[in-house]
Amino acid sequence: MKNQEHHESLPPKTCSIDRLVTVPEDVNKVIEGKKKATRRNGRYADVGEIMVLKDKKYVVDRVYSQSLGELTDEDARQEGYKTVEEYKQSILSFHPGMPWLPHMKVWVHEFSRVDE
């Protein structure tokens, strides 16, 4: 199901876009242009939806499913990390006891700044 982009076939959202990026460090990475994607265990946004962080607007450009085993260092850089291992350690620090399973699917939300 890698890179599933047909938003008409996406399942219903499991959460709202205002919960997509909430960790202060991640909010700062988005504003600094270092974070351009967020992976979640559910779907938090539709393509075209607007996220507001510190009065700055970001539009969701792509939403698709990806397994953790498919993650590349480029994916990690989109998340604001240098490598998959660095990203993995960060995620596991937020979710103690959670296993990192290569077959586990996550929802990727890619976004970009809306110029006003």
C-alpha atoms as a PDB file:
ATOM      1  CA  MET A   1       0.000   0.000   0.000  1.00  0.00           C
ATOM      2  CA  LYS A   2       3.045   2.260  -0.313  1.00  0.00           C
ATOM      3  CA  ASN A   3       2.396   5.806  -1.457  1.00  0.00           C
ATOM      4  CA  GLN A   4      -1.360   5.425  -1.648  1.00  0.00           C
ATOM      5  CA  GLU A   5      -2.457   8.839  -2.907  1.00  0.00           C
ATOM      6  CA  HIS A   6      -6.000   8.344  -4.114  1.00  0.00           C
ATOM      7  CA  HIS A   7      -7.675  10.408  -1.412  1.00  0.00           C
ATOM      8  CA  GLU A   8     -11.143   9.364  -2.563  1.00  0.00           C
ATOM      9  CA  SER A   9     -10.277   5.827  -1.394  1.00  0.00           C
ATOM     10  CA  LEU A  10      -8.816   6.860   1.968  1.00  0.00           C
ATOM     11  CA  PRO A  11     -10.572   5.650   5.102  1.00  0.00           C
ATOM     12  CA  PRO A  12     -12.251   8.170   7.399  1.00  0.00           C
ATOM     13  CA  LYS A  13     -10.022  10.335   9.572  1.00  0.00           C
ATOM     14  CA  THR A  14      -9.337   8.997  13.054  1.00  0.00           C
ATOM     15  CA  CYS A  15      -8.404  12.356  14.560  1.00  0.00           C
ATOM     16  CA  SER A  16      -8.466  16.047  13.658  1.00  0.00           C
ATOM     17  CA  ILE A  17      -5.740  18.045  11.953  1.00  0.00           C
ATOM     18  CA  ASP A  18      -5.182  20.184  15.054  1.00  0.00           C
ATOM     19  CA  ARG A  19      -3.629  17.063  16.683  1.00  0.00           C
ATOM     20  CA  LEU A  20      -1.276  16.363  13.739  1.00  0.00           C
ATOM     21  CA  VAL A  21       1.766  18.250  15.081  1.00  0.00           C
ATOM     22  CA  THR A  22       1.611  19.022  18.798  1.00  0.00           C
ATOM     23  CA  VAL A  23       5.053  18.407  20.344  1.00  0.00           C
ATOM     24  CA  PRO A  24       6.684  21.858  20.800  1.00  0.00           C
ATOM     25  CA  GLU A  25      10.006  20.662  19.338  1.00  0.00           C
ATOM     26  CA  ASP A  26       8.175  19.380  16.242  1.00  0.00           C
ATOM     27  CA  VAL A  27       6.162  22.606  15.901  1.00  0.00           C
ATOM     28  CA  ASN A  28       9.445  24.534  15.875  1.00  0.00           C
ATOM     29  CA  LYS A  29      10.916  22.151  13.273  1.00  0.00           C
ATOM     30  CA  VAL A  30       7.905  22.787  11.012  1.00  0.00           C
ATOM     31  CA  ILE A  31       8.197  26.563  11.391  1.00  0.00           C
ATOM     32  CA  GLU A  32      11.958  26.392  10.709  1.00  0.00           C
ATOM     33  CA  GLY A  33      11.279  24.368   7.540  1.00  0.00           C
ATOM     34  CA  LYS A  34      13.058  21.272   8.900  1.00  0.00           C
ATOM     35  CA  LYS A  35       9.927  19.101   9.192  1.00  0.00           C
ATOM     36  CA  LYS A  36       7.661  18.612   6.175  1.00  0.00           C
ATOM     37  CA  ALA A  37       5.874  15.371   7.109  1.00  0.00           C
ATOM     38  CA  THR A  38       4.366  13.608  10.085  1.00  0.00           C
ATOM     39  CA  ARG A  39       3.653   9.915  10.474  1.00  0.00           C
ATOM     40  CA  ARG A  40       0.774   8.847  12.682  1.00  0.00           C
ATOM     41  CA  ASN A  41      -0.937   5.551  13.448  1.00  0.00           C
ATOM     42  CA  GLY A  42      -4.193   7.057  12.173  1.00  0.00           C
ATOM     43  CA  ARG A  43      -5.286   9.484   9.495  1.00  0.00           C
ATOM     44  CA  TYR A  44      -5.452  13.041  10.876  1.00  0.00           C
ATOM     45  CA  ALA A  45      -5.987  15.132   7.745  1.00  0.00           C
ATOM     46  CA  ASP A  46      -7.312  15.224   4.209  1.00  0.00           C
ATOM     47  CA  VAL A  47      -5.354  16.504   1.219  1.00  0.00           C
ATOM     48  CA  GLY A  48      -5.930  20.263   0.973  1.00  0.00           C
ATOM     49  CA  GLU A  49      -6.745  20.696   4.650  1.00  0.00           C
ATOM     50  CA  ILE A  50      -5.005  23.583   6.457  1.00  0.00           C
ATOM     51  CA  MET A  51      -2.987  23.210   9.654  1.00  0.00           C
ATOM     52  CA  VAL A  52      -2.187  26.326  11.707  1.00  0.00           C
ATOM     53  CA  LEU A  53       0.931  26.425  13.890  1.00  0.00           C
ATOM     54  CA  LYS A  54       1.833  29.662  15.701  1.00  0.00           C
ATOM     55  CA  ASP A  55      -0.315  31.706  13.285  1.00  0.00           C
ATOM     56  CA  LYS A  56       1.404  30.153  10.232  1.00  0.00           C
ATOM     57  CA  LYS A  57      -0.586  28.057   7.771  1.00  0.00           C
ATOM     58  CA  TYR A  58       0.422  24.751   6.184  1.00  0.00           C
ATOM     59  CA  VAL A  59      -1.515  22.802   3.579  1.00  0.00           C
ATOM     60  CA  VAL A  60      -1.588  19.009   3.523  1.00  0.00           C
ATOM     61  CA  ASP A  61      -0.201  17.999   0.116  1.00  0.00           C
ATOM     62  CA  ARG A  62      -0.223  14.194   0.348  1.00  0.00           C
ATOM     63  CA  VAL A  63      -1.661  11.512   2.631  1.00  0.00           C
ATOM     64  CA  TYR A  64      -0.676   7.880   2.171  1.00  0.00           C
ATOM     65  CA  SER A  65       0.074   4.692   4.047  1.00  0.00           C
ATOM     66  CA  GLN A  66       3.597   3.359   4.566  1.00  0.00           C
ATOM     67  CA  SER A  67       5.088   0.533   6.629  1.00  0.00           C
ATOM     68  CA  LEU A  68       7.819   1.319   9.132  1.00  0.00           C
ATOM     69  CA  GLY A  69      10.084  -1.089   7.266  1.00  0.00           C
ATOM     70  CA  GLU A  70       9.815   1.076   4.140  1.00  0.00           C
ATOM     71  CA  LEU A  71      11.202   4.173   5.886  1.00  0.00           C
ATOM     72  CA  THR A  72      14.323   5.655   4.318  1.00  0.00           C
ATOM     73  CA  ASP A  73      16.756   8.271   5.578  1.00  0.00           C
ATOM     74  CA  GLU A  74      15.038  10.712   3.189  1.00  0.00           C
ATOM     75  CA  ASP A  75      11.728   9.997   4.953  1.00  0.00           C
ATOM     76  CA  ALA A  76      13.478  10.643   8.286  1.00  0.00           C
ATOM     77  CA  ARG A  77      14.779  13.975   6.962  1.00  0.00           C
ATOM     78  CA  GLN A  78      11.189  14.953   6.039  1.00  0.00           C
ATOM     79  CA  GLU A  79      10.401  14.333   9.711  1.00  0.00           C
ATOM     80  CA  GLY A  80      13.291  16.546  10.838  1.00  0.00           C
ATOM     81  CA  TYR A  81      15.805  13.793  11.681  1.00  0.00           C
ATOM     82  CA  LYS A  82      19.090  12.787  10.036  1.00  0.00           C
ATOM     83  CA  THR A  83      18.496   9.036   9.843  1.00  0.00           C
ATOM     84  CA  VAL A  84      15.774   6.430  10.257  1.00  0.00           C
ATOM     85  CA  GLU A  85      17.511   5.234  13.429  1.00  0.00           C
ATOM     86  CA  GLU A  86      17.428   8.745  14.938  1.00  0.00           C
ATOM     87  CA  TYR A  87      13.734   9.051  14.037  1.00  0.00           C
ATOM     88  CA  LYS A  88      12.998   5.587  15.449  1.00  0.00           C
ATOM     89  CA  GLN A  89      14.691   6.387  18.781  1.00  0.00           C
ATOM     90  CA  SER A  90      12.709   9.617  19.066  1.00  0.00           C
ATOM     91  CA  ILE A  91       9.394   7.857  18.422  1.00  0.00           C
ATOM     92  CA  LEU A  92      10.194   5.082  20.894  1.00  0.00           C
ATOM     93  CA  SER A  93      11.102   7.679  23.552  1.00  0.00           C
ATOM     94  CA  PHE A  94       7.565   9.130  23.238  1.00  0.00           C
ATOM     95  CA  HIS A  95       5.962   5.674  23.360  1.00  0.00           C
ATOM     96  CA  PRO A  96       7.825   3.565  25.958  1.00  0.00           C
ATOM     97  CA  GLY A  97       7.301  -0.147  25.466  1.00  0.00           C
ATOM     98  CA  MET A  98       5.991   0.250  21.924  1.00  0.00           C
ATOM     99  CA  PRO A  99       7.610  -2.236  19.558  1.00  0.00           C
ATOM    100  CA  TRP A 100       9.064  -1.000  16.261  1.00  0.00           C
ATOM    101  CA  LEU A 101       7.581  -3.503  13.826  1.00  0.00           C
ATOM    102  CA  PRO A 102       8.699  -3.250  10.167  1.00  0.00           C
ATOM    103  CA  HIS A 103       5.278  -4.431   8.929  1.00  0.00           C
ATOM    104  CA  MET A 104       3.365  -1.851  11.036  1.00  0.00           C
ATOM    105  CA  LYS A 105       1.525   0.654   8.837  1.00  0.00           C
ATOM    106  CA  VAL A 106       1.455   4.377   9.551  1.00  0.00           C
ATOM    107  CA  TRP A 107      -0.220   7.282   7.799  1.00  0.00           C
ATOM    108  CA  VAL A 108       2.125   9.821   6.236  1.00  0.00           C
ATOM    109  CA  HIS A 109       0.916  13.428   6.104  1.00  0.00           C
ATOM    110  CA  GLU A 110       3.123  15.659   3.925  1.00  0.00           C
ATOM    111  CA  PHE A 111       2.578  19.410   4.148  1.00  0.00           C
ATOM    112  CA  SER A 112       3.974  22.708   2.934  1.00  0.00           C
ATOM    113  CA  ARG A 113       3.811  26.335   4.046  1.00  0.00           C
ATOM    114  CA  VAL A 114       0.999  28.437   2.627  1.00  0.00           C
ATOM    115  CA  ASP A 115       2.435  31.743   1.462  1.00  0.00           C
ATOM    116  CA  GLU A 116       0.142  34.621   2.278  1.00  0.00           C
END
